[in-house]
N, C-alpha and C. Protein backbone atom coordinates (compact mmCIF):
# COMPACT_ATOMS: atom_id res chain seq x y z
N MET A 1 68.80 105.07 -19.10
CA MET A 1 67.43 105.93 -18.47
C MET A 1 66.37 104.90 -18.90
N VAL A 2 65.09 105.05 -17.36
CA VAL A 2 64.41 104.08 -17.73
C VAL A 2 63.50 104.75 -17.75
N VAL A 3 62.87 104.50 -18.66
CA VAL A 3 60.99 105.52 -18.47
C VAL A 3 60.07 104.51 -18.02
N SER A 4 59.06 105.02 -17.23
CA SER A 4 58.80 104.30 -16.32
C SER A 4 57.16 104.23 -17.08
N GLY A 5 56.09 102.66 -16.60
CA GLY A 5 55.24 102.77 -17.08
C GLY A 5 54.18 104.06 -17.48
N CYS A 6 53.32 104.21 -18.17
CA CYS A 6 51.96 105.83 -17.94
C CYS A 6 50.89 104.67 -18.70
N ALA A 7 49.85 106.05 -18.91
CA ALA A 7 49.35 106.00 -19.30
C ALA A 7 47.94 104.95 -19.39
N MET A 8 48.28 103.91 -20.26
CA MET A 8 46.81 102.65 -20.10
C MET A 8 46.16 102.33 -18.92
N ILE A 9 44.84 103.03 -18.69
CA ILE A 9 43.69 102.49 -17.74
C ILE A 9 43.87 101.35 -18.36
N ALA A 10 43.45 100.81 -18.98
CA ALA A 10 43.29 98.80 -19.95
C ALA A 10 44.03 98.58 -19.39
N ALA A 11 43.35 97.43 -18.58
CA ALA A 11 44.73 96.20 -18.39
C ALA A 11 44.57 95.62 -19.78
N GLY A 12 46.22 95.16 -19.65
CA GLY A 12 46.77 94.06 -20.67
C GLY A 12 47.03 94.47 -22.62
N LEU A 13 48.03 94.08 -23.07
CA LEU A 13 48.41 94.50 -24.03
C LEU A 13 48.77 93.39 -25.02
N MET A 14 48.18 93.80 -26.40
CA MET A 14 48.49 92.33 -27.71
C MET A 14 49.36 92.66 -27.63
N PRO A 15 50.35 91.47 -28.59
CA PRO A 15 51.66 91.82 -29.64
C PRO A 15 51.74 93.10 -30.93
N ALA A 16 52.87 92.93 -30.82
CA ALA A 16 52.48 93.88 -32.63
C ALA A 16 52.00 93.55 -33.69
N ALA A 17 50.88 94.45 -33.80
CA ALA A 17 49.87 94.11 -34.79
C ALA A 17 50.26 93.82 -36.59
N ASP A 18 49.89 93.25 -37.33
CA ASP A 18 50.29 93.07 -38.11
C ASP A 18 50.47 94.18 -38.81
N ALA A 19 51.94 93.92 -39.91
CA ALA A 19 51.34 95.62 -40.49
C ALA A 19 50.96 95.99 -42.15
N SER A 20 49.83 94.66 -41.96
CA SER A 20 48.68 94.84 -42.92
C SER A 20 47.59 96.03 -42.31
N ALA A 21 47.60 96.11 -40.85
CA ALA A 21 46.63 97.07 -40.72
C ALA A 21 45.93 98.50 -41.16
N LEU A 22 45.17 98.43 -41.21
CA LEU A 22 44.21 99.62 -42.28
C LEU A 22 45.10 101.16 -42.03
N ASP A 23 44.50 101.12 -40.72
CA ASP A 23 44.81 103.18 -40.09
C ASP A 23 44.41 102.66 -38.74
N PHE A 24 46.17 103.43 -38.33
CA PHE A 24 45.99 103.62 -36.71
C PHE A 24 46.26 105.03 -36.57
N ARG A 25 45.26 105.71 -35.38
CA ARG A 25 45.08 106.87 -34.98
C ARG A 25 45.90 106.23 -33.98
N SER A 26 45.60 108.21 -32.72
CA SER A 26 45.60 107.68 -31.86
C SER A 26 45.06 108.90 -30.80
N ALA A 27 44.56 108.72 -29.60
CA ALA A 27 43.76 109.13 -28.40
C ALA A 27 44.07 110.22 -28.29
N GLY A 28 43.37 111.78 -28.67
CA GLY A 28 43.70 113.16 -28.57
C GLY A 28 43.97 113.46 -27.26
N ASP A 29 44.84 114.74 -26.97
CA ASP A 29 44.89 115.51 -25.37
C ASP A 29 44.45 114.96 -24.64
N ALA A 30 43.25 114.88 -24.14
CA ALA A 30 42.17 114.23 -23.40
C ALA A 30 42.32 112.75 -23.44
N PRO A 31 42.08 112.07 -22.11
CA PRO A 31 41.57 111.06 -22.28
C PRO A 31 40.02 110.86 -23.28
N VAL A 32 40.15 109.57 -23.83
CA VAL A 32 39.33 109.37 -24.66
C VAL A 32 37.91 107.98 -23.66
N VAL A 33 36.65 108.29 -23.94
CA VAL A 33 36.08 107.26 -23.34
C VAL A 33 35.68 106.35 -24.38
N LEU A 34 35.46 105.24 -24.51
CA LEU A 34 35.93 104.10 -25.30
C LEU A 34 33.93 103.56 -25.07
N TYR A 35 32.82 103.14 -26.17
CA TYR A 35 31.27 102.88 -25.88
C TYR A 35 31.27 101.81 -26.96
N ASP A 36 29.75 100.58 -25.76
CA ASP A 36 29.58 99.45 -26.51
C ASP A 36 28.81 100.01 -27.86
N ALA A 37 28.72 101.04 -28.63
CA ALA A 37 27.88 101.05 -29.58
C ALA A 37 28.18 102.94 -29.34
N PRO A 38 27.83 103.48 -30.70
CA PRO A 38 28.03 104.64 -31.64
C PRO A 38 27.25 105.62 -30.69
N SER A 39 27.36 105.80 -29.74
CA SER A 39 26.33 106.70 -29.12
C SER A 39 27.09 106.97 -27.44
N THR A 40 26.75 108.27 -27.61
CA THR A 40 27.22 108.69 -25.92
C THR A 40 26.35 107.98 -25.25
N ARG A 41 25.20 108.04 -24.95
CA ARG A 41 23.90 106.81 -24.61
C ARG A 41 25.04 105.49 -24.20
N ALA A 42 25.41 105.22 -24.55
CA ALA A 42 25.59 103.63 -25.21
C ALA A 42 26.24 103.44 -23.62
N THR A 43 27.16 101.96 -23.67
CA THR A 43 27.58 102.10 -21.98
C THR A 43 29.03 102.27 -22.21
N ARG A 44 29.31 102.95 -21.54
CA ARG A 44 31.43 103.05 -21.21
C ARG A 44 31.63 101.94 -20.79
N ILE A 45 32.64 101.53 -21.99
CA ILE A 45 33.21 100.32 -21.66
C ILE A 45 34.80 100.38 -20.89
N LEU A 46 35.71 101.50 -21.49
CA LEU A 46 36.89 101.84 -21.33
C LEU A 46 37.60 103.44 -21.71
N LEU A 47 38.18 103.66 -21.01
CA LEU A 47 39.18 105.12 -20.87
C LEU A 47 40.66 104.90 -21.57
N LEU A 48 40.20 105.38 -22.34
CA LEU A 48 42.10 105.66 -22.85
C LEU A 48 42.66 107.10 -22.80
N SER A 49 44.15 106.60 -22.34
CA SER A 49 44.95 106.98 -21.21
C SER A 49 45.41 108.35 -22.92
N PRO A 50 46.04 109.97 -22.84
CA PRO A 50 45.80 110.46 -24.03
C PRO A 50 47.19 109.92 -23.94
N GLY A 51 47.45 110.25 -26.32
CA GLY A 51 47.56 109.47 -27.06
C GLY A 51 47.96 108.26 -27.11
N SER A 52 47.12 106.75 -26.28
CA SER A 52 47.18 105.86 -26.58
C SER A 52 46.60 105.77 -28.41
N PRO A 53 47.65 105.02 -28.57
CA PRO A 53 47.26 104.13 -30.77
C PRO A 53 45.79 103.41 -30.03
N VAL A 54 45.18 104.06 -31.27
CA VAL A 54 43.98 102.37 -31.87
C VAL A 54 43.79 102.35 -33.29
N GLU A 55 43.42 101.19 -33.01
CA GLU A 55 43.71 100.62 -34.85
C GLU A 55 42.33 101.34 -35.36
N VAL A 56 41.61 101.52 -36.08
CA VAL A 56 40.64 102.03 -37.38
C VAL A 56 39.90 101.22 -38.00
N MET A 57 38.49 100.53 -37.44
CA MET A 57 38.24 99.43 -38.53
C MET A 57 36.90 100.47 -39.81
N THR A 58 36.46 101.25 -39.04
CA THR A 58 35.36 101.42 -39.98
C THR A 58 35.16 103.26 -39.12
N ALA A 59 34.16 103.86 -39.57
CA ALA A 59 33.95 105.03 -39.74
C ALA A 59 32.27 104.74 -40.00
N LEU A 60 31.49 106.12 -39.02
CA LEU A 60 30.04 105.66 -38.60
C LEU A 60 29.73 107.30 -38.28
N ASP A 61 28.75 107.91 -39.36
CA ASP A 61 28.15 109.32 -38.84
C ASP A 61 28.98 110.32 -36.62
N GLY A 62 30.96 110.25 -37.21
CA GLY A 62 31.56 111.09 -36.15
C GLY A 62 31.31 109.83 -35.26
N TRP A 63 31.62 109.11 -35.68
CA TRP A 63 32.23 107.47 -34.74
C TRP A 63 33.23 107.00 -35.00
N LEU A 64 33.86 106.77 -34.35
CA LEU A 64 35.26 104.99 -35.06
C LEU A 64 34.61 104.16 -34.77
N ARG A 65 34.86 103.22 -34.94
CA ARG A 65 35.34 101.88 -34.15
C ARG A 65 36.40 101.42 -34.15
N VAL A 66 36.88 101.46 -32.63
CA VAL A 66 38.04 101.25 -32.73
C VAL A 66 38.77 99.60 -32.38
N ARG A 67 40.16 99.10 -32.20
CA ARG A 67 40.28 98.66 -31.70
C ARG A 67 41.48 98.98 -30.35
N GLU A 68 41.75 98.95 -28.97
CA GLU A 68 42.40 99.55 -28.22
C GLU A 68 43.70 98.62 -28.54
N PRO A 69 44.21 98.80 -27.72
CA PRO A 69 46.09 97.84 -27.86
C PRO A 69 45.48 96.35 -26.96
N GLY A 70 44.12 96.36 -25.89
CA GLY A 70 44.07 94.94 -25.47
C GLY A 70 42.70 94.47 -25.73
N GLY A 71 43.11 94.26 -27.39
CA GLY A 71 42.23 94.18 -28.10
C GLY A 71 41.02 94.57 -28.14
N ARG A 72 40.44 94.82 -27.49
CA ARG A 72 38.73 95.15 -27.31
C ARG A 72 38.55 96.13 -28.67
N LEU A 73 37.12 95.62 -29.04
CA LEU A 73 36.46 96.21 -30.29
C LEU A 73 35.61 97.32 -29.23
N ALA A 74 35.69 98.77 -29.91
CA ALA A 74 34.51 99.77 -29.09
C ALA A 74 34.78 100.58 -30.34
N TRP A 75 34.10 101.37 -30.05
CA TRP A 75 33.86 102.70 -30.50
C TRP A 75 33.65 104.23 -29.69
N ALA A 76 34.34 105.26 -30.49
CA ALA A 76 34.79 106.45 -30.00
C ALA A 76 34.55 107.18 -30.90
N GLU A 77 34.23 108.50 -30.26
CA GLU A 77 33.91 109.87 -30.92
C GLU A 77 35.52 110.01 -31.61
N SER A 78 34.48 110.34 -33.21
CA SER A 78 35.86 111.11 -34.01
C SER A 78 36.83 112.53 -33.63
N LYS A 79 36.10 112.61 -32.95
CA LYS A 79 36.12 114.11 -32.91
C LYS A 79 37.54 114.10 -31.52
N ALA A 80 37.35 112.78 -30.46
CA ALA A 80 38.47 112.31 -29.72
C ALA A 80 39.68 111.68 -29.93
N VAL A 81 39.88 111.52 -31.59
CA VAL A 81 41.23 110.09 -32.30
C VAL A 81 41.55 111.43 -33.37
N VAL A 82 42.89 111.16 -33.20
CA VAL A 82 43.49 112.41 -33.65
C VAL A 82 44.18 111.20 -35.27
N THR A 83 45.02 111.99 -35.97
CA THR A 83 45.93 110.91 -37.04
C THR A 83 47.20 111.06 -36.79
N ARG A 84 47.70 112.03 -35.49
CA ARG A 84 49.79 111.73 -35.04
C ARG A 84 49.33 110.57 -34.47
N ARG A 85 50.75 109.22 -35.18
CA ARG A 85 50.70 108.33 -34.68
C ARG A 85 51.46 107.81 -34.16
N THR A 86 50.88 107.15 -32.42
CA THR A 86 51.81 107.33 -31.47
C THR A 86 52.33 104.74 -31.74
N LEU A 87 52.42 104.89 -30.50
CA LEU A 87 53.38 103.14 -30.59
C LEU A 87 52.78 102.91 -28.80
N MET A 88 52.42 102.05 -28.32
CA MET A 88 52.55 101.23 -27.08
C MET A 88 53.88 100.22 -27.02
N VAL A 89 54.07 100.29 -25.40
CA VAL A 89 54.83 99.68 -25.88
C VAL A 89 54.82 98.37 -25.07
N SER A 90 54.68 97.51 -25.71
CA SER A 90 54.04 95.90 -25.84
C SER A 90 54.14 94.75 -24.97
N VAL A 91 56.13 94.85 -24.61
CA VAL A 91 56.65 94.22 -23.93
C VAL A 91 56.88 94.60 -22.55
N ALA A 92 57.62 93.68 -21.36
CA ALA A 92 57.88 94.78 -20.04
C ALA A 92 58.91 95.59 -19.87
N SER A 93 60.65 95.45 -20.91
CA SER A 93 61.09 96.76 -21.18
C SER A 93 61.25 96.53 -22.84
N ALA A 94 61.21 97.66 -23.24
CA ALA A 94 61.94 97.80 -25.13
C ALA A 94 63.30 99.14 -24.89
N THR A 95 64.25 98.29 -25.24
CA THR A 95 65.32 99.07 -25.07
C THR A 95 65.42 100.15 -26.54
N ILE A 96 65.18 101.23 -26.55
CA ILE A 96 65.36 102.50 -27.74
C ILE A 96 67.03 102.66 -27.72
N ARG A 97 67.39 102.69 -29.31
CA ARG A 97 68.78 102.71 -29.66
C ARG A 97 68.89 103.17 -30.34
N ALA A 98 70.04 104.01 -30.29
CA ALA A 98 70.95 105.10 -31.20
C ALA A 98 70.51 104.79 -32.57
N ALA A 99 70.19 103.36 -32.67
CA ALA A 99 70.46 103.43 -34.38
C ALA A 99 69.78 102.02 -34.21
N ALA A 100 69.06 102.05 -36.11
CA ALA A 100 68.18 100.82 -36.07
C ALA A 100 68.82 99.03 -36.43
N ASP A 101 69.74 98.92 -35.07
CA ASP A 101 70.60 97.97 -35.20
C ASP A 101 70.53 96.99 -33.56
N ALA A 102 70.18 96.10 -33.46
CA ALA A 102 70.77 96.04 -32.22
C ALA A 102 71.93 95.88 -31.25
N ALA A 103 72.96 95.83 -31.90
CA ALA A 103 74.07 96.22 -31.41
C ALA A 103 74.21 97.79 -31.26
N ALA A 104 73.32 98.66 -31.91
CA ALA A 104 73.25 100.43 -31.22
C ALA A 104 73.18 100.47 -30.07
N THR A 105 73.91 101.98 -29.63
CA THR A 105 74.20 102.23 -28.06
C THR A 105 72.64 102.65 -27.44
N PRO A 106 72.25 101.19 -26.57
CA PRO A 106 70.86 102.34 -26.00
C PRO A 106 71.05 103.43 -25.81
N VAL A 107 69.27 104.33 -26.26
CA VAL A 107 69.13 105.72 -25.89
C VAL A 107 68.85 105.70 -24.18
N PHE A 108 67.76 105.08 -23.48
CA PHE A 108 66.51 104.82 -23.42
C PHE A 108 65.82 103.56 -23.49
N GLU A 109 65.50 103.42 -22.05
CA GLU A 109 64.46 102.09 -21.71
C GLU A 109 62.80 102.07 -21.39
N ALA A 110 62.11 101.99 -22.23
CA ALA A 110 60.49 102.38 -21.54
C ALA A 110 60.03 100.87 -21.55
N LYS A 111 59.17 100.92 -20.67
CA LYS A 111 58.34 99.67 -19.56
C LYS A 111 56.85 99.59 -20.60
N GLN A 112 56.68 98.33 -20.41
CA GLN A 112 55.23 98.08 -21.39
C GLN A 112 54.65 98.99 -20.61
N GLY A 113 53.62 99.34 -21.48
CA GLY A 113 52.79 100.80 -21.19
C GLY A 113 52.73 101.91 -21.79
N VAL A 114 54.76 102.47 -21.93
CA VAL A 114 54.83 103.62 -22.07
C VAL A 114 54.74 103.88 -23.57
N ILE A 115 53.85 105.16 -24.18
CA ILE A 115 53.12 105.46 -25.64
C ILE A 115 54.64 106.21 -25.60
N LEU A 116 54.60 105.90 -26.92
CA LEU A 116 56.21 106.54 -28.01
C LEU A 116 55.61 107.51 -29.43
N GLU A 117 55.78 108.34 -29.93
CA GLU A 117 55.34 108.70 -31.03
C GLU A 117 56.21 107.92 -32.33
N LEU A 118 55.57 107.72 -33.02
CA LEU A 118 55.67 107.22 -34.06
C LEU A 118 56.37 108.81 -35.16
N LEU A 119 57.83 108.52 -35.83
CA LEU A 119 58.25 109.41 -36.11
C LEU A 119 58.73 108.86 -37.80
N GLU A 120 59.05 107.41 -38.08
CA GLU A 120 58.99 107.05 -39.14
C GLU A 120 58.73 105.37 -39.22
N PRO A 121 58.46 104.09 -39.54
CA PRO A 121 58.75 103.39 -39.99
C PRO A 121 59.77 103.16 -40.75
N VAL A 122 60.49 102.45 -40.12
CA VAL A 122 61.96 102.36 -40.44
C VAL A 122 62.45 100.43 -41.03
N ALA A 123 62.55 99.95 -42.40
CA ALA A 123 62.78 98.72 -42.83
C ALA A 123 63.84 98.10 -41.60
N GLY A 124 63.18 96.67 -42.23
CA GLY A 124 64.10 95.92 -40.83
C GLY A 124 63.79 95.66 -39.92
N GLY A 125 62.10 95.60 -39.66
CA GLY A 125 61.54 95.66 -38.06
C GLY A 125 62.17 96.68 -37.66
N TRP A 126 62.26 97.82 -37.40
CA TRP A 126 62.49 99.00 -36.66
C TRP A 126 61.69 100.27 -36.58
N SER A 127 61.23 100.64 -36.16
CA SER A 127 60.70 102.13 -35.81
C SER A 127 61.30 103.21 -35.42
N ARG A 128 61.24 104.39 -35.77
CA ARG A 128 62.01 105.50 -35.35
C ARG A 128 60.73 106.39 -34.77
N VAL A 129 61.53 106.32 -33.34
CA VAL A 129 60.13 106.77 -32.11
C VAL A 129 61.04 107.70 -31.54
N LYS A 130 59.77 108.82 -30.30
CA LYS A 130 60.41 110.01 -29.72
C LYS A 130 59.24 109.95 -28.31
N HIS A 131 60.21 110.14 -27.32
CA HIS A 131 59.21 109.83 -25.96
C HIS A 131 58.50 111.08 -25.73
N ARG A 132 57.76 111.52 -24.78
CA ARG A 132 56.61 112.51 -24.77
C ARG A 132 58.53 113.70 -23.82
N ASP A 133 59.45 112.94 -23.09
CA ASP A 133 60.30 113.84 -22.22
C ASP A 133 61.29 114.76 -23.97
N GLY A 134 61.14 113.91 -24.65
CA GLY A 134 62.19 114.87 -26.07
C GLY A 134 63.25 113.03 -26.28
N LEU A 135 63.55 112.47 -25.91
CA LEU A 135 64.29 111.76 -26.14
C LEU A 135 63.96 110.38 -27.07
N SER A 136 64.55 110.52 -28.30
CA SER A 136 64.81 109.47 -29.43
C SER A 136 65.15 108.85 -29.49
N GLY A 137 64.66 107.61 -31.05
CA GLY A 137 65.95 106.40 -31.34
C GLY A 137 64.37 105.39 -31.92
N PHE A 138 65.51 104.14 -32.14
CA PHE A 138 64.54 103.45 -32.85
C PHE A 138 64.42 101.71 -31.71
N VAL A 139 62.83 101.30 -32.10
CA VAL A 139 62.76 100.59 -31.12
C VAL A 139 62.56 99.71 -32.68
N ARG A 140 62.10 98.12 -31.73
CA ARG A 140 62.27 96.81 -32.80
C ARG A 140 60.47 97.16 -32.50
N THR A 141 60.30 96.97 -34.07
CA THR A 141 58.55 96.88 -33.92
C THR A 141 58.29 96.22 -33.82
N SER A 142 58.51 94.20 -33.61
CA SER A 142 58.00 93.13 -32.15
C SER A 142 57.65 94.10 -30.99
N GLU A 143 58.24 95.01 -30.36
CA GLU A 143 58.36 95.50 -28.91
C GLU A 143 57.05 96.70 -29.16
N VAL A 144 56.09 96.99 -30.23
CA VAL A 144 55.38 97.98 -29.96
C VAL A 144 54.25 97.37 -30.31
N TRP A 145 52.89 98.25 -29.75
CA TRP A 145 51.84 97.87 -30.69
C TRP A 145 51.26 99.29 -31.22
N GLY A 146 50.54 99.19 -32.26
CA GLY A 146 50.24 100.38 -33.51
C GLY A 146 51.03 100.36 -34.72
N LEU A 147 51.29 99.67 -34.89
CA LEU A 147 51.43 99.63 -36.70
C LEU A 147 50.78 98.54 -37.22
């Protein structure tokens, strides 16, 4: 089964993040407006699709300075970002497998930009994930952004 791309209004993706990142969260159930300053009067620079992962850099009075999957730094209202962890496919196509092994049976393929819920990071360069359609399996951490 091939899962087609979804979700990101922003263009471009960065390679998988360094494992030492401090804090990853996700956009809530509604699109999240990113601003160039911590104020709703600031310039709107990007709209993130629901569930998109973000790296939290700092917090300030109800605002979060975040890095979005395209690499830009911006401000989001804290209430729009949730602690649920998601990952975004950062390669053209990622094969989600039944086990954390390159030889394991493929469960589905996810195209670039698809958002997957992080169920648990697994040692050895794999993470257990779930697609919004209910399919789950293991993806190589080098093929996603948000860890």
